[in-house]
Each structure stands twice: as structure tokens, then as C-alpha cells.
Amino acid sequence: MLTASHPTAGNALLASYAATALGQSGPHDGSRLNLTVDERYRLQLRSLSDGRIQVRSRLCELPEAGPARDELLRSMGALACGRIQGAGAACVVDASERAFWLSQTAAASSTQEVDELVGDFVNELAFWGQVLSRQ
């Protein structure tokens, strides 16, 4: 689903990606696209004001304050630091400190580049899903 925002090249690119790659229609000035890949991975794509595309997905909620939360933050933080350079996607805590998200921002100038970004992101998302299943 696309929602309207300020028109940018990224908005047009997301609308084109939705129409051609996904068969969805939406306004050409839409800045957001929500999609599900492989009936499992829920992604949000967003056009940024500088024309880049951000893709993100919520990994999990954080436990309430206490030892379990502290340990999860330590272990996920250490792994995130080790992976960020090679993966391109970052495991981050949201501003409200309630959940881990996987986020990646990249320049894209074609629907094929957006599709490649989504594919690479889903591969990294699968990795983090496996990590969390062992926590």
C-alpha cells in the first residue's frame, strides 16, 4: 500500500516498483510501500527526501527492563556491530526503545535496483530471524 507524501524521484520509483514488480497500483507520489515477501517477511519501503530508499522490518519486541533485556541488548548489539560492515543492513533499537528493527538505506535508480535491495535485505532478515529463534 502506498501513501501520499512530498513528490520525489524516490516516490516515483516506489510507485513504479509497486506497479511493475509487485502488480500493485498506487499514487505516483506515494512515499511508502508495505509488502510481504515469501508470505513471511513484512517489509516497509520508504522514499527519503534525498531520493534514497529505506527498507526496514521489525525483528522483535524488547523484554521489559531487567536482566533478560540487558542480555538481549548485549548479545544483539555485539552481533550487530560485527555484521554491519559486511551486510549493509543495521540491526537497531527503535526510538521508543521497544523493539529491534532491521534497517537499510540505499541509493536506487531503477526498479531492478529496488528489487535487488529487497532481495539482499530479505536474506539478511532471514539471518536475524534465525538468530532470534535461538535467543
Protein backbone atom coordinates (compact mmCIF):
# COMPACT_ATOMS: atom_id res chain seq x y z
CA MET A 1 0.00 0.00 0.00
CA LEU A 2 1.36 3.42 -0.95
CA THR A 3 0.58 6.62 0.91
CA ALA A 4 0.96 10.15 -0.41
CA SER A 5 3.81 12.43 0.59
CA HIS A 6 6.04 15.07 -0.97
CA PRO A 7 6.84 14.15 -4.57
CA THR A 8 10.42 12.94 -5.13
CA ALA A 9 12.19 10.70 -7.58
CA GLY A 10 12.15 8.01 -4.90
CA ASN A 11 8.37 8.24 -4.64
CA ALA A 12 8.01 7.68 -8.37
CA LEU A 13 10.47 4.79 -8.19
CA LEU A 14 8.48 3.11 -5.40
CA ALA A 15 5.26 3.56 -7.34
CA SER A 16 6.90 2.05 -10.42
CA TYR A 17 8.29 -0.84 -8.38
CA ALA A 18 4.86 -1.49 -6.87
CA ALA A 19 3.25 -1.48 -10.30
CA THR A 20 5.81 -3.48 -12.28
CA ALA A 21 7.44 -5.85 -9.82
CA LEU A 22 4.51 -6.41 -7.48
CA GLY A 23 1.47 -5.77 -9.63
CA GLN A 24 0.12 -3.23 -7.12
CA SER A 25 -1.24 0.15 -8.06
CA GLY A 26 -0.85 3.28 -6.05
CA PRO A 27 -0.41 7.02 -6.39
CA HIS A 28 2.82 8.03 -8.12
CA ASP A 29 3.65 10.38 -5.24
CA GLY A 30 3.45 7.62 -2.63
CA SER A 31 6.41 7.58 -0.29
CA ARG A 32 5.75 4.26 1.49
CA LEU A 33 5.23 0.72 0.37
CA ASN A 34 4.35 -2.17 2.69
CA LEU A 35 4.87 -5.66 1.35
CA THR A 36 5.18 -9.25 2.46
CA VAL A 37 7.86 -11.45 0.89
CA ASP A 38 7.56 -15.24 0.81
CA GLU A 39 4.38 -14.95 2.92
CA ARG A 40 6.70 -14.47 5.90
CA TYR A 41 8.74 -11.28 5.84
CA ARG A 42 6.88 -7.99 6.32
CA LEU A 43 8.82 -5.05 4.91
CA GLN A 44 8.33 -1.32 4.76
CA LEU A 45 9.96 0.60 1.92
CA ARG A 46 10.15 4.36 2.21
CA SER A 47 11.32 7.07 -0.12
CA LEU A 48 13.62 9.52 1.69
CA SER A 49 13.84 13.22 0.89
CA ASP A 50 17.32 12.77 -0.62
CA GLY A 51 15.99 10.21 -3.13
CA ARG A 52 17.37 7.12 -1.39
CA ILE A 53 15.19 4.17 -0.43
CA GLN A 54 14.94 2.83 3.11
CA VAL A 55 13.76 -0.71 3.71
CA ARG A 56 13.07 -1.92 7.22
CA SER A 57 11.37 -4.68 9.15
CA ARG A 58 10.57 -5.18 12.80
CA LEU A 59 12.54 -8.07 14.25
CA CYS A 60 11.09 -8.42 17.75
CA GLU A 61 9.85 -6.61 20.82
CA LEU A 62 12.30 -5.94 23.61
CA PRO A 63 11.62 -7.51 27.00
CA GLU A 64 10.75 -5.27 29.93
CA ALA A 65 13.67 -3.69 31.80
CA GLY A 66 15.75 -6.23 33.65
CA PRO A 67 18.46 -8.86 33.20
CA ALA A 68 16.81 -10.57 30.20
CA ARG A 69 16.56 -7.27 28.33
CA ASP A 70 20.14 -6.34 29.22
CA GLU A 71 21.47 -9.68 27.98
CA LEU A 72 19.49 -9.47 24.73
CA LEU A 73 20.75 -5.93 24.13
CA ARG A 74 24.35 -7.03 24.78
CA SER A 75 24.23 -10.09 22.55
CA MET A 76 22.31 -8.46 19.70
CA GLY A 77 24.46 -5.33 19.90
CA ALA A 78 27.68 -7.30 19.65
CA LEU A 79 26.40 -9.27 16.67
CA ALA A 80 25.03 -6.12 15.00
CA CYS A 81 28.42 -4.41 15.31
CA GLY A 82 30.11 -7.39 13.71
CA ARG A 83 27.69 -7.62 10.78
CA ILE A 84 27.01 -4.03 9.83
CA GLN A 85 30.11 -3.50 7.70
CA GLY A 86 29.53 -6.53 5.50
CA ALA A 87 25.75 -6.67 5.43
CA GLY A 88 24.66 -3.13 4.65
CA ALA A 89 21.63 -3.56 6.90
CA ALA A 90 21.74 -2.48 10.52
CA CYS A 91 20.02 -4.06 13.50
CA VAL A 92 18.80 -1.11 15.56
CA VAL A 93 16.59 -0.32 18.53
CA ASP A 94 13.68 2.00 17.73
CA ALA A 95 13.43 5.48 19.24
CA SER A 96 10.88 4.34 21.82
CA GLU A 97 13.25 1.54 22.92
CA ARG A 98 10.55 -1.09 22.48
CA ALA A 99 11.74 -3.18 19.55
CA PHE A 100 14.64 -4.30 17.39
CA TRP A 101 14.39 -3.36 13.72
CA LEU A 102 16.50 -4.26 10.72
CA SER A 103 17.03 -1.21 8.53
CA GLN A 104 18.90 -0.45 5.32
CA THR A 105 19.14 2.71 3.25
CA ALA A 106 20.50 2.72 -0.29
CA ALA A 107 20.50 4.71 -3.49
CA ALA A 108 18.42 3.13 -6.23
CA SER A 109 17.73 4.44 -9.71
CA SER A 110 15.68 1.60 -11.19
CA THR A 111 13.05 -0.91 -10.16
CA GLN A 112 15.66 -3.64 -10.66
CA GLU A 113 17.92 -1.95 -8.10
CA VAL A 114 14.99 -1.72 -5.66
CA ASP A 115 14.26 -5.41 -6.26
CA GLU A 116 17.92 -6.29 -5.59
CA LEU A 117 17.85 -4.17 -2.41
CA VAL A 118 14.74 -6.03 -1.25
CA GLY A 119 16.30 -9.42 -2.06
CA ASP A 120 19.52 -8.66 -0.19
CA PHE A 121 17.53 -7.26 2.73
CA VAL A 122 15.34 -10.37 2.96
CA ASN A 123 18.45 -12.56 3.06
CA GLU A 124 19.78 -10.52 5.98
CA LEU A 125 16.34 -10.60 7.61
CA ALA A 126 16.35 -14.40 7.38
CA PHE A 127 19.72 -14.45 9.17
CA TRP A 128 18.41 -12.28 12.00
CA GLY A 129 15.27 -14.41 12.24
CA GLN A 130 17.46 -17.47 12.81
CA VAL A 131 19.48 -15.62 15.44
CA LEU A 132 16.35 -14.59 17.31
CA SER A 133 14.88 -18.09 17.16
CA ARG A 134 17.90 -19.24 19.22
CA GLN A 135 17.58 -16.48 21.86
